[in-house]
């Protein structure tokens, strides 16, 4: 065993794609960009009743975090209003959930409005290093991502920020991204592994399982103060039958259920996995 087993309860989070496939940016890893015409479901606003059903299902399967995701570069007045109203409706049916917003770049003023609506945390990933970022996105700079994370800290919301491995970046890029994350001091660090879509320009993820496990370990070692190292998008595809090993390398949080445009496995399968490993599901949020 190369990593250290994390002796703490596992934090579960669920993602709700409340606005899908409408982004005009050119992020080469993202099937939600309209530029690549990926074969995905696209809609402006998911019906609130459907969102509430997803929230209840997430809660009933042990999730503490529920993330409201929109597919645009950032917040505008219309999107901000939709996210805030959605948050208020979700709190009526599942007040136990910690609401997270993931809506792209956001100003201090916009984040304050989300906070007033009961959203406790904001997720905005750096994705990769500042140096490599122009290779995967040209329509907005990496600095805007970093600034949004700083804004989250400024307004006193819980910062969730991580990145994607397997985009063609070097090991130096990975270490640089993690160093930037450390400077932001996020509470939770989502690690994603690139899930290739045939419509996208990027080549499939070249990482091997051993490399991916070592990157989880490196993330934990670089950010020892982070409460949660979360293995998020691409978990099932990257690790397959070896998913159980992620916890030995420092992960203590996972996304359950579906992702943004790709299906995850059934929630009960993850609960069964944790039970087989004698790992308890967290029932309280730390920070």
C-alpha atoms as a PDB file:
ATOM      1  CA  UNK A   1       0.000   0.000   0.000  1.00  0.00           C
ATOM      2  CA  UNK A   2       1.622   3.235  -1.139  1.00  0.00           C
ATOM      3  CA  UNK A   3      -0.777   5.734   0.378  1.00  0.00           C
ATOM      4  CA  UNK A   4      -2.083   6.221   3.859  1.00  0.00           C
ATOM      5  CA  UNK A   5      -5.601   5.116   4.602  1.00  0.00           C
ATOM      6  CA  UNK A   6      -7.783   8.053   5.543  1.00  0.00           C
ATOM      7  CA  UNK A   7      -9.272   7.267   8.927  1.00  0.00           C
ATOM      8  CA  UNK A   8     -12.296   9.503   8.755  1.00  0.00           C
ATOM      9  CA  UNK A   9     -15.837   9.438   7.498  1.00  0.00           C
ATOM     10  CA  UNK A  10     -16.497   9.842   3.788  1.00  0.00           C
ATOM     11  CA  UNK A  11     -18.298  12.986   2.630  1.00  0.00           C
ATOM     12  CA  UNK A  12     -20.797  12.393  -0.174  1.00  0.00           C
ATOM     13  CA  UNK A  13     -21.852  15.048  -2.648  1.00  0.00           C
ATOM     14  CA  UNK A  14     -24.363  15.079  -5.506  1.00  0.00           C
ATOM     15  CA  UNK A  15     -24.327  17.255  -8.624  1.00  0.00           C
ATOM     16  CA  UNK A  16     -27.442  18.732 -10.210  1.00  0.00           C
ATOM     17  CA  UNK A  17     -27.026  20.122 -13.721  1.00  0.00           C
ATOM     18  CA  UNK A  18     -29.750  22.780 -13.595  1.00  0.00           C
ATOM     19  CA  UNK A  19     -28.738  24.369 -16.923  1.00  0.00           C
ATOM     20  CA  UNK A  20     -27.057  22.207 -19.543  1.00  0.00           C
ATOM     21  CA  UNK A  21     -25.050  22.577 -22.727  1.00  0.00           C
ATOM     22  CA  UNK A  22     -25.453  26.311 -23.264  1.00  0.00           C
ATOM     23  CA  UNK A  23     -21.892  27.577 -22.776  1.00  0.00           C
ATOM     24  CA  UNK A  24     -20.221  29.605 -25.546  1.00  0.00           C
ATOM     25  CA  UNK A  25     -16.669  29.232 -24.202  1.00  0.00           C
ATOM     26  CA  UNK A  26     -14.115  27.002 -25.950  1.00  0.00           C
ATOM     27  CA  UNK A  27     -12.860  24.871 -23.049  1.00  0.00           C
ATOM     28  CA  UNK A  28     -11.538  21.870 -24.952  1.00  0.00           C
ATOM     29  CA  UNK A  29     -12.376  19.404 -22.177  1.00  0.00           C
ATOM     30  CA  UNK A  30     -16.052  20.358 -21.886  1.00  0.00           C
ATOM     31  CA  UNK A  31     -18.905  18.758 -23.797  1.00  0.00           C
ATOM     32  CA  UNK A  32     -21.234  21.525 -22.565  1.00  0.00           C
ATOM     33  CA  UNK A  33     -19.679  24.009 -24.978  1.00  0.00           C
ATOM     34  CA  UNK A  34     -21.974  24.696 -27.918  1.00  0.00           C
ATOM     35  CA  UNK A  35     -18.899  24.918 -30.144  1.00  0.00           C
ATOM     36  CA  UNK A  36     -18.268  21.170 -30.234  1.00  0.00           C
ATOM     37  CA  UNK A  37     -21.822  19.996 -30.846  1.00  0.00           C
ATOM     38  CA  UNK A  38     -21.459  17.047 -28.491  1.00  0.00           C
ATOM     39  CA  UNK A  39     -24.434  14.710 -28.328  1.00  0.00           C
ATOM     40  CA  UNK A  40     -25.706  15.719 -24.909  1.00  0.00           C
ATOM     41  CA  UNK A  41     -28.983  16.915 -23.430  1.00  0.00           C
ATOM     42  CA  UNK A  42     -29.258  20.700 -23.602  1.00  0.00           C
ATOM     43  CA  UNK A  43     -31.733  22.890 -21.728  1.00  0.00           C
ATOM     44  CA  UNK A  44     -31.917  26.385 -20.259  1.00  0.00           C
ATOM     45  CA  UNK A  45     -33.528  25.624 -16.899  1.00  0.00           C
ATOM     46  CA  UNK A  46     -34.304  22.265 -15.373  1.00  0.00           C
ATOM     47  CA  UNK A  47     -37.838  22.175 -13.890  1.00  0.00           C
ATOM     48  CA  UNK A  48     -37.775  22.950 -10.185  1.00  0.00           C
ATOM     49  CA  UNK A  49     -39.799  19.853  -9.290  1.00  0.00           C
ATOM     50  CA  UNK A  50     -37.162  17.663 -10.942  1.00  0.00           C
ATOM     51  CA  UNK A  51     -34.396  19.465  -9.071  1.00  0.00           C
ATOM     52  CA  UNK A  52     -36.200  18.932  -5.768  1.00  0.00           C
ATOM     53  CA  UNK A  53     -36.619  15.218  -6.499  1.00  0.00           C
ATOM     54  CA  UNK A  54     -32.883  14.944  -7.160  1.00  0.00           C
ATOM     55  CA  UNK A  55     -32.137  16.759  -3.906  1.00  0.00           C
ATOM     56  CA  UNK A  56     -34.348  14.411  -1.913  1.00  0.00           C
ATOM     57  CA  UNK A  57     -32.760  11.359  -3.563  1.00  0.00           C
ATOM     58  CA  UNK A  58     -29.286  12.684  -2.805  1.00  0.00           C
ATOM     59  CA  UNK A  59     -30.161  13.292   0.843  1.00  0.00           C
ATOM     60  CA  UNK A  60     -31.798   9.894   1.209  1.00  0.00           C
ATOM     61  CA  UNK A  61     -28.622   8.254  -0.111  1.00  0.00           C
ATOM     62  CA  UNK A  62     -26.359   9.974   2.389  1.00  0.00           C
ATOM     63  CA  UNK A  63     -25.221  13.059   0.485  1.00  0.00           C
ATOM     64  CA  UNK A  64     -24.445  16.141   2.558  1.00  0.00           C
ATOM     65  CA  UNK A  65     -23.529  18.368  -0.365  1.00  0.00           C
ATOM     66  CA  UNK A  66     -25.842  19.281  -3.239  1.00  0.00           C
ATOM     67  CA  UNK A  67     -24.299  21.316  -6.043  1.00  0.00           C
ATOM     68  CA  UNK A  68     -26.344  23.522  -8.387  1.00  0.00           C
ATOM     69  CA  UNK A  69     -24.412  23.742 -11.659  1.00  0.00           C
ATOM     70  CA  UNK A  70     -25.012  26.036 -14.626  1.00  0.00           C
ATOM     71  CA  UNK A  71     -23.269  25.749 -17.992  1.00  0.00           C
ATOM     72  CA  UNK A  72     -22.110  29.261 -18.779  1.00  0.00           C
ATOM     73  CA  UNK A  73     -18.915  31.266 -18.392  1.00  0.00           C
ATOM     74  CA  UNK A  74     -20.266  33.024 -15.352  1.00  0.00           C
ATOM     75  CA  UNK A  75     -23.221  34.526 -13.597  1.00  0.00           C
ATOM     76  CA  UNK A  76     -25.539  37.106 -15.135  1.00  0.00           C
ATOM     77  CA  UNK A  77     -28.644  38.602 -13.542  1.00  0.00           C
ATOM     78  CA  UNK A  78     -31.004  35.983 -14.981  1.00  0.00           C
ATOM     79  CA  UNK A  79     -28.860  33.026 -13.956  1.00  0.00           C
ATOM     80  CA  UNK A  80     -28.246  34.492 -10.525  1.00  0.00           C
ATOM     81  CA  UNK A  81     -31.979  34.857  -9.945  1.00  0.00           C
ATOM     82  CA  UNK A  82     -32.610  31.270 -11.102  1.00  0.00           C
ATOM     83  CA  UNK A  83     -29.914  29.802  -8.856  1.00  0.00           C
ATOM     84  CA  UNK A  84     -31.103  31.783  -5.832  1.00  0.00           C
ATOM     85  CA  UNK A  85     -34.753  30.837  -6.324  1.00  0.00           C
ATOM     86  CA  UNK A  86     -33.777  27.190  -6.880  1.00  0.00           C
ATOM     87  CA  UNK A  87     -31.746  27.194  -3.682  1.00  0.00           C
ATOM     88  CA  UNK A  88     -34.679  28.486  -1.674  1.00  0.00           C
ATOM     89  CA  UNK A  89     -36.980  25.799  -3.092  1.00  0.00           C
ATOM     90  CA  UNK A  90     -34.487  23.009  -2.380  1.00  0.00           C
ATOM     91  CA  UNK A  91     -34.121  24.145   1.219  1.00  0.00           C
ATOM     92  CA  UNK A  92     -37.870  23.668   1.698  1.00  0.00           C
ATOM     93  CA  UNK A  93     -37.699  19.938   0.881  1.00  0.00           C
ATOM     94  CA  UNK A  94     -34.159  19.051   1.965  1.00  0.00           C
ATOM     95  CA  UNK A  95     -32.919  21.529   4.571  1.00  0.00           C
ATOM     96  CA  UNK A  96     -30.278  19.028   5.719  1.00  0.00           C
ATOM     97  CA  UNK A  97     -28.262  19.485   2.526  1.00  0.00           C
ATOM     98  CA  UNK A  98     -25.391  21.926   2.264  1.00  0.00           C
ATOM     99  CA  UNK A  99     -26.071  23.851  -0.923  1.00  0.00           C
ATOM    100  CA  UNK A 100     -23.164  24.500  -3.254  1.00  0.00           C
ATOM    101  CA  UNK A 101     -23.221  26.727  -6.330  1.00  0.00           C
ATOM    102  CA  UNK A 102     -21.032  26.131  -9.372  1.00  0.00           C
ATOM    103  CA  UNK A 103     -21.829  28.896 -11.820  1.00  0.00           C
ATOM    104  CA  UNK A 104     -18.529  29.994 -13.334  1.00  0.00           C
ATOM    105  CA  UNK A 105     -16.861  33.319 -12.711  1.00  0.00           C
ATOM    106  CA  UNK A 106     -18.573  35.403 -10.041  1.00  0.00           C
ATOM    107  CA  UNK A 107     -18.100  38.819  -8.498  1.00  0.00           C
ATOM    108  CA  UNK A 108     -18.142  39.615  -4.805  1.00  0.00           C
ATOM    109  CA  UNK A 109     -21.597  41.153  -5.176  1.00  0.00           C
ATOM    110  CA  UNK A 110     -23.009  38.088  -6.946  1.00  0.00           C
ATOM    111  CA  UNK A 111     -21.544  35.741  -4.356  1.00  0.00           C
ATOM    112  CA  UNK A 112     -23.118  37.793  -1.578  1.00  0.00           C
ATOM    113  CA  UNK A 113     -26.526  37.284  -3.215  1.00  0.00           C
ATOM    114  CA  UNK A 114     -25.970  33.526  -3.389  1.00  0.00           C
ATOM    115  CA  UNK A 115     -24.988  33.549   0.264  1.00  0.00           C
ATOM    116  CA  UNK A 116     -28.174  35.421   1.189  1.00  0.00           C
ATOM    117  CA  UNK A 117     -30.167  32.726  -0.618  1.00  0.00           C
ATOM    118  CA  UNK A 118     -28.750  30.076   1.707  1.00  0.00           C
ATOM    119  CA  UNK A 119     -25.903  28.755  -0.425  1.00  0.00           C
ATOM    120  CA  UNK A 120     -22.974  27.937   1.827  1.00  0.00           C
ATOM    121  CA  UNK A 121     -20.226  27.021  -0.627  1.00  0.00           C
ATOM    122  CA  UNK A 122     -19.019  27.896  -4.108  1.00  0.00           C
ATOM    123  CA  UNK A 123     -17.193  25.560  -6.473  1.00  0.00           C
ATOM    124  CA  UNK A 124     -14.926  27.026  -9.122  1.00  0.00           C
ATOM    125  CA  UNK A 125     -12.052  24.891 -10.346  1.00  0.00           C
ATOM    126  CA  UNK A 126      -8.717  26.191 -11.591  1.00  0.00           C
ATOM    127  CA  UNK A 127      -8.750  23.177 -13.974  1.00  0.00           C
ATOM    128  CA  UNK A 128      -4.989  23.158 -14.618  1.00  0.00           C
ATOM    129  CA  UNK A 129      -1.863  25.294 -14.290  1.00  0.00           C
ATOM    130  CA  UNK A 130      -1.761  28.930 -15.346  1.00  0.00           C
ATOM    131  CA  UNK A 131       0.902  28.098 -17.943  1.00  0.00           C
ATOM    132  CA  UNK A 132      -1.030  25.220 -19.558  1.00  0.00           C
ATOM    133  CA  UNK A 133      -4.466  26.850 -19.432  1.00  0.00           C
ATOM    134  CA  UNK A 134      -4.196  28.641 -22.827  1.00  0.00           C
ATOM    135  CA  UNK A 135      -3.785  25.200 -24.418  1.00  0.00           C
ATOM    136  CA  UNK A 136      -7.266  24.167 -23.277  1.00  0.00           C
ATOM    137  CA  UNK A 137      -9.158  27.486 -23.261  1.00  0.00           C
ATOM    138  CA  UNK A 138      -8.686  30.737 -25.170  1.00  0.00           C
ATOM    139  CA  UNK A 139     -11.954  32.580 -24.510  1.00  0.00           C
ATOM    140  CA  UNK A 140     -11.168  33.605 -20.948  1.00  0.00           C
ATOM    141  CA  UNK A 141      -7.965  33.658 -18.871  1.00  0.00           C
ATOM    142  CA  UNK A 142      -6.954  31.462 -15.965  1.00  0.00           C
ATOM    143  CA  UNK A 143      -6.600  34.602 -13.850  1.00  0.00           C
ATOM    144  CA  UNK A 144     -10.400  35.044 -13.868  1.00  0.00           C
ATOM    145  CA  UNK A 145     -10.761  31.620 -12.284  1.00  0.00           C
ATOM    146  CA  UNK A 146      -8.240  32.417  -9.592  1.00  0.00           C
ATOM    147  CA  UNK A 147      -9.914  35.778  -8.920  1.00  0.00           C
ATOM    148  CA  UNK A 148     -13.331  34.155  -8.491  1.00  0.00           C
ATOM    149  CA  UNK A 149     -11.849  31.813  -5.883  1.00  0.00           C
ATOM    150  CA  UNK A 150     -10.386  34.823  -4.085  1.00  0.00           C
ATOM    151  CA  UNK A 151     -13.840  36.438  -4.173  1.00  0.00           C
ATOM    152  CA  UNK A 152     -15.353  33.347  -2.557  1.00  0.00           C
ATOM    153  CA  UNK A 153     -12.882  33.631   0.291  1.00  0.00           C
ATOM    154  CA  UNK A 154     -13.556  37.356   0.605  1.00  0.00           C
ATOM    155  CA  UNK A 155     -17.304  36.922   1.150  1.00  0.00           C
ATOM    156  CA  UNK A 156     -16.822  34.124   3.670  1.00  0.00           C
ATOM    157  CA  UNK A 157     -18.304  31.266   1.687  1.00  0.00           C
ATOM    158  CA  UNK A 158     -16.721  27.810   1.750  1.00  0.00           C
ATOM    159  CA  UNK A 159     -14.351  27.509  -1.192  1.00  0.00           C
ATOM    160  CA  UNK A 160     -14.370  24.337  -3.271  1.00  0.00           C
ATOM    161  CA  UNK A 161     -11.711  24.317  -5.978  1.00  0.00           C
ATOM    162  CA  UNK A 162      -9.736  21.671  -7.815  1.00  0.00           C
ATOM    163  CA  UNK A 163      -8.911  20.645 -11.340  1.00  0.00           C
ATOM    164  CA  UNK A 164      -8.724  18.034 -14.062  1.00  0.00           C
ATOM    165  CA  UNK A 165      -5.951  15.534 -14.691  1.00  0.00           C
ATOM    166  CA  UNK A 166      -5.369  13.858 -18.033  1.00  0.00           C
ATOM    167  CA  UNK A 167      -5.732  16.854 -20.367  1.00  0.00           C
ATOM    168  CA  UNK A 168      -2.248  16.488 -21.818  1.00  0.00           C
ATOM    169  CA  UNK A 169      -0.580  18.520 -19.078  1.00  0.00           C
ATOM    170  CA  UNK A 170       2.873  17.762 -17.699  1.00  0.00           C
ATOM    171  CA  UNK A 171       3.698  16.735 -14.157  1.00  0.00           C
ATOM    172  CA  UNK A 172       5.074  20.241 -13.635  1.00  0.00           C
ATOM    173  CA  UNK A 173       1.673  21.635 -14.644  1.00  0.00           C
ATOM    174  CA  UNK A 174      -0.043  19.384 -12.106  1.00  0.00           C
ATOM    175  CA  UNK A 175       2.278  20.495  -9.342  1.00  0.00           C
ATOM    176  CA  UNK A 176       1.811  24.145 -10.335  1.00  0.00           C
ATOM    177  CA  UNK A 177      -1.975  23.834 -10.196  1.00  0.00           C
ATOM    178  CA  UNK A 178      -1.808  22.223  -6.767  1.00  0.00           C
ATOM    179  CA  UNK A 179       0.500  24.980  -5.535  1.00  0.00           C
ATOM    180  CA  UNK A 180      -2.009  27.588  -6.744  1.00  0.00           C
ATOM    181  CA  UNK A 181      -4.799  25.740  -4.975  1.00  0.00           C
ATOM    182  CA  UNK A 182      -2.787  25.650  -1.782  1.00  0.00           C
ATOM    183  CA  UNK A 183      -2.476  29.440  -1.927  1.00  0.00           C
ATOM    184  CA  UNK A 184      -6.293  29.661  -2.043  1.00  0.00           C
ATOM    185  CA  UNK A 185      -6.748  27.278   0.918  1.00  0.00           C
ATOM    186  CA  UNK A 186      -9.928  25.534  -0.291  1.00  0.00           C
ATOM    187  CA  UNK A 187     -11.956  23.456   2.153  1.00  0.00           C
ATOM    188  CA  UNK A 188     -12.668  20.831  -0.501  1.00  0.00           C
ATOM    189  CA  UNK A 189     -10.549  19.890  -3.526  1.00  0.00           C
ATOM    190  CA  UNK A 190     -12.393  18.067  -6.330  1.00  0.00           C
ATOM    191  CA  UNK A 191     -10.097  15.950  -8.471  1.00  0.00           C
ATOM    192  CA  UNK A 192     -11.512  15.179 -11.904  1.00  0.00           C
ATOM    193  CA  UNK A 193     -10.095  12.798 -14.485  1.00  0.00           C
ATOM    194  CA  UNK A 194     -10.763  13.798 -18.079  1.00  0.00           C
ATOM    195  CA  UNK A 195     -13.677  11.875 -19.545  1.00  0.00           C
ATOM    196  CA  UNK A 196     -13.304  12.006 -23.317  1.00  0.00           C
ATOM    197  CA  UNK A 197     -16.227  12.737 -25.618  1.00  0.00           C
ATOM    198  CA  UNK A 198     -15.748  11.994 -29.351  1.00  0.00           C
ATOM    199  CA  UNK A 199     -16.894  15.512 -30.231  1.00  0.00           C
ATOM    200  CA  UNK A 200     -14.033  17.107 -28.293  1.00  0.00           C
ATOM    201  CA  UNK A 201     -10.656  18.037 -29.745  1.00  0.00           C
ATOM    202  CA  UNK A 202      -8.601  16.669 -26.879  1.00  0.00           C
ATOM    203  CA  UNK A 203      -7.239  13.163 -27.050  1.00  0.00           C
ATOM    204  CA  UNK A 204      -8.498  10.555 -24.571  1.00  0.00           C
ATOM    205  CA  UNK A 205      -7.066  10.597 -21.057  1.00  0.00           C
ATOM    206  CA  UNK A 206      -3.587   8.976 -21.222  1.00  0.00           C
ATOM    207  CA  UNK A 207      -3.260   8.345 -17.475  1.00  0.00           C
ATOM    208  CA  UNK A 208      -2.844   4.842 -16.090  1.00  0.00           C
ATOM    209  CA  UNK A 209      -4.541   3.851 -12.838  1.00  0.00           C
ATOM    210  CA  UNK A 210      -1.291   3.852 -10.856  1.00  0.00           C
ATOM    211  CA  UNK A 211      -0.514   7.376 -12.061  1.00  0.00           C
ATOM    212  CA  UNK A 212      -3.987   8.564 -11.150  1.00  0.00           C
ATOM    213  CA  UNK A 213      -3.726   7.108  -7.647  1.00  0.00           C
ATOM    214  CA  UNK A 214      -0.394   8.833  -7.158  1.00  0.00           C
ATOM    215  CA  UNK A 215      -2.002  12.130  -8.175  1.00  0.00           C
ATOM    216  CA  UNK A 216      -4.596  11.706  -5.436  1.00  0.00           C
ATOM    217  CA  UNK A 217      -1.764  11.102  -2.997  1.00  0.00           C
ATOM    218  CA  UNK A 218       0.120  14.164  -4.285  1.00  0.00           C
ATOM    219  CA  UNK A 219      -2.985  16.301  -3.882  1.00  0.00           C
ATOM    220  CA  UNK A 220      -3.405  15.198  -0.277  1.00  0.00           C
ATOM    221  CA  UNK A 221       0.289  15.807   0.471  1.00  0.00           C
ATOM    222  CA  UNK A 222       0.248  19.260  -1.160  1.00  0.00           C
ATOM    223  CA  UNK A 223      -2.982  20.349   0.547  1.00  0.00           C
ATOM    224  CA  UNK A 224      -2.826  18.747   3.992  1.00  0.00           C
ATOM    225  CA  UNK A 225      -5.155  21.366   5.474  1.00  0.00           C
ATOM    226  CA  UNK A 226      -8.007  20.668   3.056  1.00  0.00           C
ATOM    227  CA  UNK A 227     -10.868  18.964   4.868  1.00  0.00           C
ATOM    228  CA  UNK A 228     -11.822  16.981   1.814  1.00  0.00           C
ATOM    229  CA  UNK A 229     -10.036  15.557  -1.195  1.00  0.00           C
ATOM    230  CA  UNK A 230     -12.890  14.579  -3.483  1.00  0.00           C
ATOM    231  CA  UNK A 231     -12.611  12.237  -6.429  1.00  0.00           C
ATOM    232  CA  UNK A 232     -15.290  13.573  -8.744  1.00  0.00           C
ATOM    233  CA  UNK A 233     -15.764  13.385 -12.526  1.00  0.00           C
ATOM    234  CA  UNK A 234     -14.256  10.420 -14.333  1.00  0.00           C
ATOM    235  CA  UNK A 235     -13.954   8.201 -11.256  1.00  0.00           C
ATOM    236  CA  UNK A 236     -15.736   5.191 -12.683  1.00  0.00           C
ATOM    237  CA  UNK A 237     -14.025   5.453 -16.074  1.00  0.00           C
ATOM    238  CA  UNK A 238     -10.555   6.070 -14.643  1.00  0.00           C
ATOM    239  CA  UNK A 239     -10.486   3.441 -11.912  1.00  0.00           C
ATOM    240  CA  UNK A 240     -13.067   0.840 -12.875  1.00  0.00           C
ATOM    241  CA  UNK A 241     -12.951  -2.099 -10.488  1.00  0.00           C
ATOM    242  CA  UNK A 242     -10.124  -0.432  -8.548  1.00  0.00           C
ATOM    243  CA  UNK A 243     -12.219   2.472  -7.258  1.00  0.00           C
ATOM    244  CA  UNK A 244     -11.847   1.201  -3.702  1.00  0.00           C
ATOM    245  CA  UNK A 245      -8.163   2.125  -3.765  1.00  0.00           C
ATOM    246  CA  UNK A 246      -8.743   5.876  -3.940  1.00  0.00           C
ATOM    247  CA  UNK A 247      -9.360   6.046  -0.189  1.00  0.00           C
ATOM    248  CA  UNK A 248      -5.972   4.492   0.574  1.00  0.00           C
ATOM    249  CA  UNK A 249      -4.316   7.341  -1.301  1.00  0.00           C
ATOM    250  CA  UNK A 250      -5.980  10.214   0.532  1.00  0.00           C
ATOM    251  CA  UNK A 251      -9.476  10.671  -0.887  1.00  0.00           C
ATOM    252  CA  UNK A 252     -12.217  11.127   1.698  1.00  0.00           C
ATOM    253  CA  UNK A 253     -15.039  12.411  -0.493  1.00  0.00           C
ATOM    254  CA  UNK A 254     -16.797  11.298  -3.680  1.00  0.00           C
ATOM    255  CA  UNK A 255     -19.598  12.404  -5.964  1.00  0.00           C
ATOM    256  CA  UNK A 256     -22.514  10.005  -6.019  1.00  0.00           C
ATOM    257  CA  UNK A 257     -25.039   9.681  -8.819  1.00  0.00           C
ATOM    258  CA  UNK A 258     -24.735  11.274 -12.245  1.00  0.00           C
ATOM    259  CA  UNK A 259     -22.269  13.909 -13.350  1.00  0.00           C
ATOM    260  CA  UNK A 260     -22.943  16.873 -15.635  1.00  0.00           C
ATOM    261  CA  UNK A 261     -23.326  15.173 -19.014  1.00  0.00           C
ATOM    262  CA  UNK A 262     -22.257  11.627 -18.183  1.00  0.00           C
ATOM    263  CA  UNK A 263     -23.932   9.005 -16.062  1.00  0.00           C
ATOM    264  CA  UNK A 264     -22.409   7.795 -12.832  1.00  0.00           C
ATOM    265  CA  UNK A 265     -23.290   4.484 -11.288  1.00  0.00           C
ATOM    266  CA  UNK A 266     -26.299   3.913  -9.077  1.00  0.00           C
ATOM    267  CA  UNK A 267     -25.954   5.615  -5.697  1.00  0.00           C
ATOM    268  CA  UNK A 268     -26.541   2.397  -3.770  1.00  0.00           C
ATOM    269  CA  UNK A 269     -23.492   0.846  -5.455  1.00  0.00           C
ATOM    270  CA  UNK A 270     -21.254   3.477  -3.895  1.00  0.00           C
ATOM    271  CA  UNK A 271     -22.897   2.975  -0.513  1.00  0.00           C
ATOM    272  CA  UNK A 272     -22.274  -0.759  -0.824  1.00  0.00           C
ATOM    273  CA  UNK A 273     -18.641  -0.080  -1.726  1.00  0.00           C
ATOM    274  CA  UNK A 274     -18.095   2.069   1.360  1.00  0.00           C
ATOM    275  CA  UNK A 275     -19.780  -0.505   3.563  1.00  0.00           C
ATOM    276  CA  UNK A 276     -17.545  -3.262   2.189  1.00  0.00           C
ATOM    277  CA  UNK A 277     -14.505  -1.142   3.095  1.00  0.00           C
ATOM    278  CA  UNK A 278     -15.864  -0.462   6.599  1.00  0.00           C
ATOM    279  CA  UNK A 279     -15.871   3.258   5.825  1.00  0.00           C
ATOM    280  CA  UNK A 280     -18.590   5.353   7.414  1.00  0.00           C
ATOM    281  CA  UNK A 281     -20.544   8.020   5.570  1.00  0.00           C
ATOM    282  CA  UNK A 282     -20.236  11.478   7.122  1.00  0.00           C
ATOM    283  CA  UNK A 283     -23.473  12.748   8.627  1.00  0.00           C
ATOM    284  CA  UNK A 284     -22.267  16.218   9.602  1.00  0.00           C
ATOM    285  CA  UNK A 285     -20.453  18.911   7.686  1.00  0.00           C
ATOM    286  CA  UNK A 286     -17.194  20.133   9.195  1.00  0.00           C
ATOM    287  CA  UNK A 287     -16.368  23.469   7.652  1.00  0.00           C
END
